[in-house]
Protein backbone atom coordinates (compact mmCIF):
# COMPACT_ATOMS: atom_id res chain seq x y z
CA MET A 1 -62.03 23.66 68.91
CA PRO A 2 -61.25 19.98 68.36
CA ARG A 3 -61.81 20.50 64.62
CA GLU A 4 -59.30 23.43 64.57
CA LEU A 5 -56.78 21.41 66.53
CA LEU A 6 -57.13 18.60 64.03
CA ARG A 7 -56.55 20.97 61.17
CA ALA A 8 -53.45 22.40 62.84
CA ALA A 9 -52.04 18.95 63.44
CA CYS A 10 -52.55 17.96 59.82
CA ALA A 11 -50.84 21.15 58.61
CA ALA A 12 -47.90 20.56 60.94
CA GLY A 13 -47.59 16.98 59.70
CA LEU A 14 -47.63 18.05 56.06
CA ALA A 15 -44.99 20.70 56.72
CA ALA A 16 -42.75 18.19 58.46
CA ALA A 17 -43.15 15.75 55.59
CA GLY A 18 -42.28 18.48 53.13
CA VAL A 19 -39.13 19.32 55.02
CA VAL A 20 -38.11 15.66 55.04
CA LEU A 21 -38.80 15.30 51.31
CA LEU A 22 -36.96 18.51 50.45
CA GLY A 23 -34.02 17.48 52.57
CA GLY A 24 -33.88 14.12 50.84
CA THR A 25 -34.02 15.79 47.41
CA ALA A 26 -31.22 18.19 48.33
CA ARG A 27 -29.05 15.38 49.58
CA ALA A 28 -29.67 13.36 46.39
CA ALA A 29 -28.81 16.34 44.08
CA GLY A 30 -25.35 17.08 45.56
CA PRO A 31 -22.28 14.82 45.91
CA THR A 32 -21.55 13.09 49.16
CA VAL A 33 -18.54 13.88 51.30
CA ALA A 34 -16.74 10.82 49.92
CA GLU A 35 -17.49 11.92 46.39
CA CYS A 36 -16.23 15.42 47.16
CA LEU A 37 -12.93 14.02 48.48
CA ALA A 38 -12.56 11.73 45.45
CA ALA A 39 -13.22 14.63 43.05
CA SER A 40 -10.62 16.77 44.81
CA ASP A 41 -8.00 14.01 44.51
CA ALA A 42 -8.93 13.41 40.84
CA SER A 43 -8.47 17.11 40.08
CA LEU A 44 -4.95 17.03 41.50
CA LYS A 45 -3.98 14.00 39.40
CA ALA A 46 -5.48 15.46 36.20
CA GLY A 47 -3.61 18.71 36.78
CA SER A 48 -0.29 16.89 37.10
CA ASP A 49 -1.03 15.15 33.78
CA HIS A 50 -1.87 18.49 32.09
CA GLN A 51 -5.43 17.28 31.47
CA LEU A 52 -6.99 20.63 32.25
CA ARG A 53 -10.48 19.77 31.00
CA ALA A 54 -10.72 16.73 33.27
CA GLU A 55 -9.28 18.78 36.16
CA ARG A 56 -11.98 21.43 35.72
CA VAL A 57 -14.78 18.82 35.71
CA ALA A 58 -13.46 17.37 38.96
CA LEU A 59 -13.15 20.83 40.55
CA LEU A 60 -16.73 21.71 39.62
CA THR A 61 -17.83 18.55 41.44
CA CYS A 62 -15.95 19.28 44.67
CA ALA A 63 -17.09 22.93 44.52
CA SER A 64 -20.73 21.86 45.01
CA PRO A 65 -22.64 23.31 48.03
CA SER A 66 -22.99 19.83 49.55
CA CYS A 67 -19.21 19.43 49.91
CA PRO A 68 -17.39 20.32 53.15
CA GLY A 69 -16.54 23.99 53.46
CA GLU A 70 -12.74 23.79 53.27
CA ILE A 71 -12.78 21.43 50.27
CA ARG A 72 -15.43 23.50 48.54
CA LYS A 73 -13.53 26.73 49.08
CA GLU A 74 -10.28 25.31 47.66
CA CYS A 75 -12.04 23.81 44.61
CA ILE A 76 -13.79 27.10 43.83
CA ARG A 77 -10.44 28.91 43.95
CA ARG A 78 -8.74 26.44 41.65
CA VAL A 79 -11.56 26.13 39.13
CA ASP A 80 -11.11 29.76 38.12
CA GLU A 81 -7.37 29.23 37.61
CA VAL A 82 -7.86 26.11 35.50
CA THR A 83 -10.58 27.74 33.38
CA ALA A 84 -8.18 30.56 32.58
CA ALA A 85 -5.44 28.10 31.62
CA VAL A 86 -7.54 25.87 29.29
CA PRO A 87 -6.82 26.72 25.61
CA THR A 88 -9.79 27.25 23.30
CA LEU A 89 -9.96 26.70 19.57
CA ILE A 90 -12.44 27.93 16.96
CA PHE A 91 -12.67 26.02 13.67
CA GLU A 92 -13.98 27.81 10.58
CA ALA A 93 -14.92 25.27 7.90
CA LYS A 94 -15.48 26.27 4.27
CA ASP A 95 -16.08 24.49 0.98
CA GLY A 96 -14.14 25.07 -2.23
CA ALA A 97 -16.39 28.04 -3.13
CA GLY A 98 -15.72 29.78 0.21
CA ASN A 99 -19.11 28.96 1.79
CA ASP A 100 -19.27 28.30 5.54
CA LEU A 101 -19.98 24.73 6.62
CA GLY A 102 -21.66 23.79 9.90
CA ALA A 103 -22.29 20.06 9.42
CA VAL A 104 -18.72 19.15 10.33
CA LYS A 105 -17.79 16.43 12.80
CA VAL A 106 -14.52 16.95 14.69
CA THR A 107 -12.42 14.25 16.35
CA MET A 108 -9.29 14.92 18.38
CA ASP A 109 -6.70 12.16 18.78
CA GLY A 110 -9.32 9.62 17.70
CA ALA A 111 -12.00 10.77 20.22
CA LEU A 112 -15.13 12.72 19.32
CA LEU A 113 -14.75 16.43 20.11
CA ALA A 114 -17.82 17.98 18.43
CA GLU A 115 -20.74 16.64 16.39
CA ARG A 116 -20.94 19.89 14.39
CA LEU A 117 -19.48 23.39 14.29
CA ASP A 118 -21.63 26.25 15.53
CA GLY A 119 -19.03 29.00 15.83
CA THR A 120 -18.31 28.50 19.55
CA ALA A 121 -14.88 27.87 20.99
CA LEU A 122 -13.84 24.32 21.83
CA SER A 123 -11.90 23.66 25.04
CA ILE A 124 -8.68 21.75 24.34
CA ASP A 125 -5.99 20.40 26.61
CA PRO A 126 -2.60 22.05 25.99
CA GLY A 127 -0.13 20.09 23.93
CA GLU A 128 0.12 18.37 20.56
CA HIS A 129 -3.07 17.05 18.95
CA THR A 130 -4.30 15.63 15.66
CA PHE A 131 -7.72 16.78 14.49
CA VAL A 132 -9.82 15.15 11.78
CA LEU A 133 -12.76 17.12 10.35
CA GLU A 134 -15.41 15.38 8.26
CA THR A 135 -18.37 16.66 6.26
CA PRO A 136 -20.71 14.68 3.98
CA GLY A 137 -19.72 14.40 0.34
CA LEU A 138 -16.17 15.70 0.68
CA PRO A 139 -12.85 14.09 1.64
CA PRO A 140 -11.91 14.52 5.34
CA VAL A 141 -9.26 17.02 6.36
CA GLN A 142 -6.56 16.27 8.93
CA LYS A 143 -4.92 19.05 10.93
CA HIS A 144 -1.94 18.77 13.28
CA LEU A 145 -1.82 21.52 15.92
CA VAL A 146 0.09 22.36 19.11
CA LEU A 147 -2.06 24.29 21.64
CA ARG A 148 -0.37 26.42 24.29
CA GLU A 149 -1.67 26.84 27.83
CA ALA A 150 -4.00 29.86 28.27
CA GLN A 151 -4.19 30.33 24.48
CA LYS A 152 -7.73 31.57 23.89
CA ASP A 153 -9.94 31.60 20.78
CA ARG A 154 -7.29 30.42 18.35
CA ARG A 155 -8.87 30.36 14.89
CA GLU A 156 -8.16 27.73 12.28
CA THR A 157 -9.73 27.84 8.80
CA ILE A 158 -10.36 24.45 7.22
CA THR A 159 -11.17 24.23 3.51
CA PHE A 160 -12.76 21.07 2.14
CA VAL A 161 -11.62 20.48 -1.43
CA PRO A 162 -13.55 18.10 -3.70
CA PRO A 163 -11.59 15.09 -4.92
CA ALA A 164 -9.63 15.62 -8.09
CA ALA A 165 -11.22 14.17 -11.20
CA PRO A 166 -9.43 11.09 -12.51
CA PRO A 167 -7.18 11.87 -15.47
CA ALA A 168 -8.68 11.21 -18.87
CA PRO A 169 -7.36 8.06 -20.49
CA ALA A 170 -4.63 8.71 -22.98
CA PRO A 171 -5.71 8.35 -26.62
CA PRO A 172 -4.55 5.17 -28.28
CA PRO A 173 -1.42 5.54 -30.38
CA PRO A 174 -2.05 6.02 -34.10
CA MET A 175 -2.13 2.88 -36.15
CA GLN A 176 1.06 2.27 -38.00
CA ALA A 177 1.32 0.23 -41.14
CA ALA A 178 3.11 -3.01 -40.60
CA ALA A 179 6.59 -2.86 -41.94
CA ALA A 180 7.01 -4.92 -45.08
CA PRO A 181 9.38 -7.82 -44.63
CA ALA A 182 12.79 -7.00 -45.92
CA ALA A 183 13.59 -8.55 -49.23
CA PRO A 184 16.24 -11.19 -48.92
CA SER A 185 19.61 -9.85 -49.80
CA ALA A 186 21.04 -11.11 -53.01
CA ARG A 187 24.30 -11.62 -51.20
CA SER A 188 23.93 -13.35 -47.82
CA GLY A 189 26.44 -14.56 -45.36
CA GLY A 190 25.28 -18.22 -45.66
CA MET A 191 25.53 -20.60 -48.61
CA GLY A 192 22.37 -21.07 -50.67
CA ALA A 193 20.70 -24.42 -51.32
CA GLN A 194 21.72 -24.34 -54.97
CA LYS A 195 25.38 -24.00 -54.08
CA VAL A 196 25.03 -26.90 -51.64
CA LEU A 197 23.61 -29.02 -54.48
CA ALA A 198 26.49 -27.87 -56.64
CA LEU A 199 28.95 -29.11 -54.05
CA VAL A 200 27.13 -32.44 -53.77
CA ALA A 201 27.10 -32.84 -57.56
CA GLY A 202 30.78 -31.94 -57.68
CA GLY A 203 31.52 -34.55 -55.03
CA VAL A 204 29.64 -37.20 -57.03
CA GLY A 205 31.56 -36.16 -60.15
CA VAL A 206 34.89 -36.47 -58.36
CA VAL A 207 33.95 -39.93 -57.02
CA GLY A 208 32.81 -40.98 -60.51
CA LEU A 209 36.12 -39.91 -62.03
CA GLY A 210 37.99 -41.71 -59.32
CA VAL A 211 36.03 -44.93 -59.92
CA GLY A 212 36.51 -44.59 -63.68
CA THR A 213 40.24 -44.09 -63.26
CA VAL A 214 40.63 -47.11 -60.97
CA PHE A 215 38.59 -49.45 -63.12
CA GLY A 216 40.19 -48.07 -66.30
CA LEU A 217 43.63 -48.95 -65.01
CA ALA A 218 42.33 -52.34 -63.95
CA ALA A 219 40.81 -52.89 -67.41
CA LEU A 220 44.15 -52.09 -69.08
CA SER A 221 45.95 -54.49 -66.78
CA LYS A 222 43.43 -57.29 -67.39
CA LYS A 223 43.56 -56.65 -71.17
CA ASN A 224 47.33 -57.07 -71.16
CA ASP A 225 47.02 -60.32 -69.25
CA ALA A 226 44.34 -61.59 -71.68
CA GLN A 227 46.48 -60.70 -74.72
CA GLN A 228 49.39 -62.62 -73.29
CA GLU A 229 47.16 -65.62 -72.70
CA CYS A 230 45.33 -65.42 -76.02
CA PRO A 231 47.06 -63.22 -78.59
CA ASP A 232 44.66 -64.26 -81.37
CA LEU A 233 41.92 -66.75 -80.56
CA CYS A 234 41.42 -68.15 -77.04
CA SER A 235 41.28 -71.87 -76.88
CA SER A 236 41.32 -72.05 -73.08
CA GLN A 237 38.70 -71.08 -70.57
CA ASP A 238 41.21 -69.04 -68.55
CA GLY A 239 41.90 -66.81 -71.49
CA VAL A 240 38.19 -66.30 -72.09
CA ASN A 241 37.74 -65.29 -68.43
CA ARG A 242 40.60 -62.81 -68.63
CA TRP A 243 39.05 -61.08 -71.65
CA SER A 244 35.67 -61.02 -69.91
CA ASP A 245 37.12 -59.42 -66.76
CA ALA A 246 38.92 -56.82 -68.85
CA LYS A 247 35.66 -55.87 -70.62
CA SER A 248 33.72 -55.64 -67.31
CA ALA A 249 36.36 -53.37 -65.79
CA ALA A 250 36.34 -51.24 -68.92
CA ASN A 251 32.53 -50.91 -68.75
CA VAL A 252 32.65 -49.85 -65.11
CA ALA A 253 35.40 -47.35 -65.89
CA THR A 254 33.29 -45.95 -68.71
CA VAL A 255 30.27 -45.54 -66.42
CA GLY A 256 32.46 -43.89 -63.76
CA PHE A 257 33.91 -41.43 -66.26
CA VAL A 258 30.42 -40.60 -67.55
CA ILE A 259 29.05 -40.05 -64.05
CA GLY A 260 32.08 -37.97 -63.10
CA GLY A 261 31.80 -35.81 -66.15
CA VAL A 262 28.06 -35.26 -65.72
CA GLY A 263 28.50 -34.51 -61.99
CA LEU A 264 31.24 -31.95 -62.53
CA ALA A 265 29.37 -30.31 -65.36
CA GLY A 266 26.17 -30.10 -63.27
CA ALA A 267 28.09 -28.77 -60.30
CA ALA A 268 29.61 -26.02 -62.41
CA ALA A 269 26.22 -25.08 -63.83
CA LEU A 270 24.55 -25.01 -60.43
CA TRP A 271 27.34 -23.00 -58.85
CA LEU A 272 27.56 -20.44 -61.62
CA THR A 273 23.80 -19.85 -61.75
CA ALA A 274 23.28 -19.71 -57.97
CA PRO A 275 21.82 -16.39 -56.51
CA GLY A 276 24.46 -13.95 -55.28
CA GLY A 277 26.33 -13.64 -58.47
CA GLY A 278 28.78 -15.96 -60.11
CA PRO A 279 32.33 -15.37 -61.04
CA GLN A 280 33.14 -12.76 -63.64
CA VAL A 281 35.97 -13.47 -66.04
CA GLY A 282 37.86 -10.70 -67.76
CA LEU A 283 41.24 -9.48 -68.84
CA GLY A 284 43.23 -7.51 -66.37
CA PRO A 285 46.72 -6.18 -66.03
CA GLY A 286 49.11 -9.08 -66.32
CA GLY A 287 46.65 -11.79 -67.39
CA LEU A 288 43.22 -13.35 -66.81
CA ARG A 289 41.17 -11.97 -63.96
CA VAL A 290 38.25 -13.74 -62.20
CA ASN A 291 35.89 -11.85 -59.83
CA GLY A 292 32.87 -13.08 -57.90
CA SER A 293 31.64 -14.74 -54.71
CA TRP A 294 32.47 -18.35 -53.99
């Protein structure tokens, strides 16, 4: 009998310990009362902000069996309403050949929405959203959508198009022969070097004639004075000097006339033979006619 009593006591102790352990596990698995109240308040705030997905998560928390009865009952009622109001979206991704793609990452408003597409619907908050879909080896696609409340299984087909090939470089322009320099015109607007030399030579000739004329007149005047002083033979030194001055002036006049004549003749030759054509002399109506460029 004592051995049976001992066995019974051990069994009762093990059963009690099991109840305590199970009770502790149950309490650890469900939210506390404070957590249930906080989840209920969070669901109300998320609903006012039209964040239906966050509202449903909070309602599922306060609908747990460990929450107080009244709170749990209200959360269960509302979770069905919110689930019906959450829009859902199904993306169908294809490549340029029309093949389905599953390795597509989806972000919504900059936050990760799905690592890949498996054909299931994605829960989306109602409102305006920007989606970016990415797949390896192809440029990402951006989609701007407005989801309406309670809109279910909306389908959007996304086609990934390979990047356009860069345009081929334009062929180089054909080689063109360099234009030959234009031959200088025989008649130009400016005065040629030869004509300039002709003008210089003419100027020297004019100066030479002027010098010859001046000294020639001076020589005649000095000769007259010398003849008055010494009509035949000069016996005085003054007379000899007068004749000497007259000869010097005459020599200078001769040189001036020679230089003037040579200068004018050279100027005429240079001018008439300069490029651009010289004057043309001919008979015309009423007399002599001269044509040409000057």
